[in-house]
């Protein structure tokens, strides 16, 4: 009955959405057990020297956020919204997201900032450009090879995210709201949550490689698009590396904003 009621895309995405927090809890549990039953101490989080991180708020609110977001995404994947999305609905959803993200933003702002690694503007710009090319070029090659079309035909997943379709087909007001969400709200809020909190918590209880992979996996599956899971997984991993390199979220935030802005421009000028 399950197989007949839902598409293969919905089933795969639901499994990924359920498996990801289980993997995260397993990694954290392994770190706690390692500390409990051996003399190996867990490393501190170098991004927040002298601070208690994660504290009880970090645990509870991050857990609540992941649970609520996973549940909401599963519901959306299983029952895709129908009907036209209005500007009012988009603004309401955007304000709701800001309210959910706001405690993370406040908490992160109160944490002590480590000394930033000085990157010259030219070096930072070159790093962002090379990173951008390193993400876009391989996936355009996959697009030319027909990988995403094949995945769509196999699983029934949409090739484009709903938000992309709304931006492409929407009126000016709707496009402005989506652009504000993609270029301003998402880079700030998502980087604080997925890199500032999830990545740092995982790095506290597991290796850097595991932390990068699991935080990037969570970031990718939360978007609810099987066709975009691999690109977003790579994007999330790159963001963690940029964060570690700069020891500041400003660089990944800037890259996130530039990347989303470029994607929106391409949607307008290229047929998709």
Foldseek 3Di string as FASTA:
>chain_A
DVPVLAFLLLVVLLVLLVVLVVLLVVLQVQLVVCVVPHVDAFDALVFFPPDDPPDPCLVVLLVVVSVVLSVVLSVCSSPPDDDDDDLVNLVVVLVVVCVSLVVLVVVLVPGDGDDWDDDDPVRLVVVLVVLLCVLPVVVVVCVVVCVLVVVCVVGVFDLDQPLLVCLLPDDPSNVVSSLCCQQPVCLVRVCSSLQVRQLSSSVRRHPNVSSLQSSQQSQQSSSNGPNCSVSSSSLSSVQNVVCVNGSDSPSSSNSSNVSSVVVSVCSHPPPD
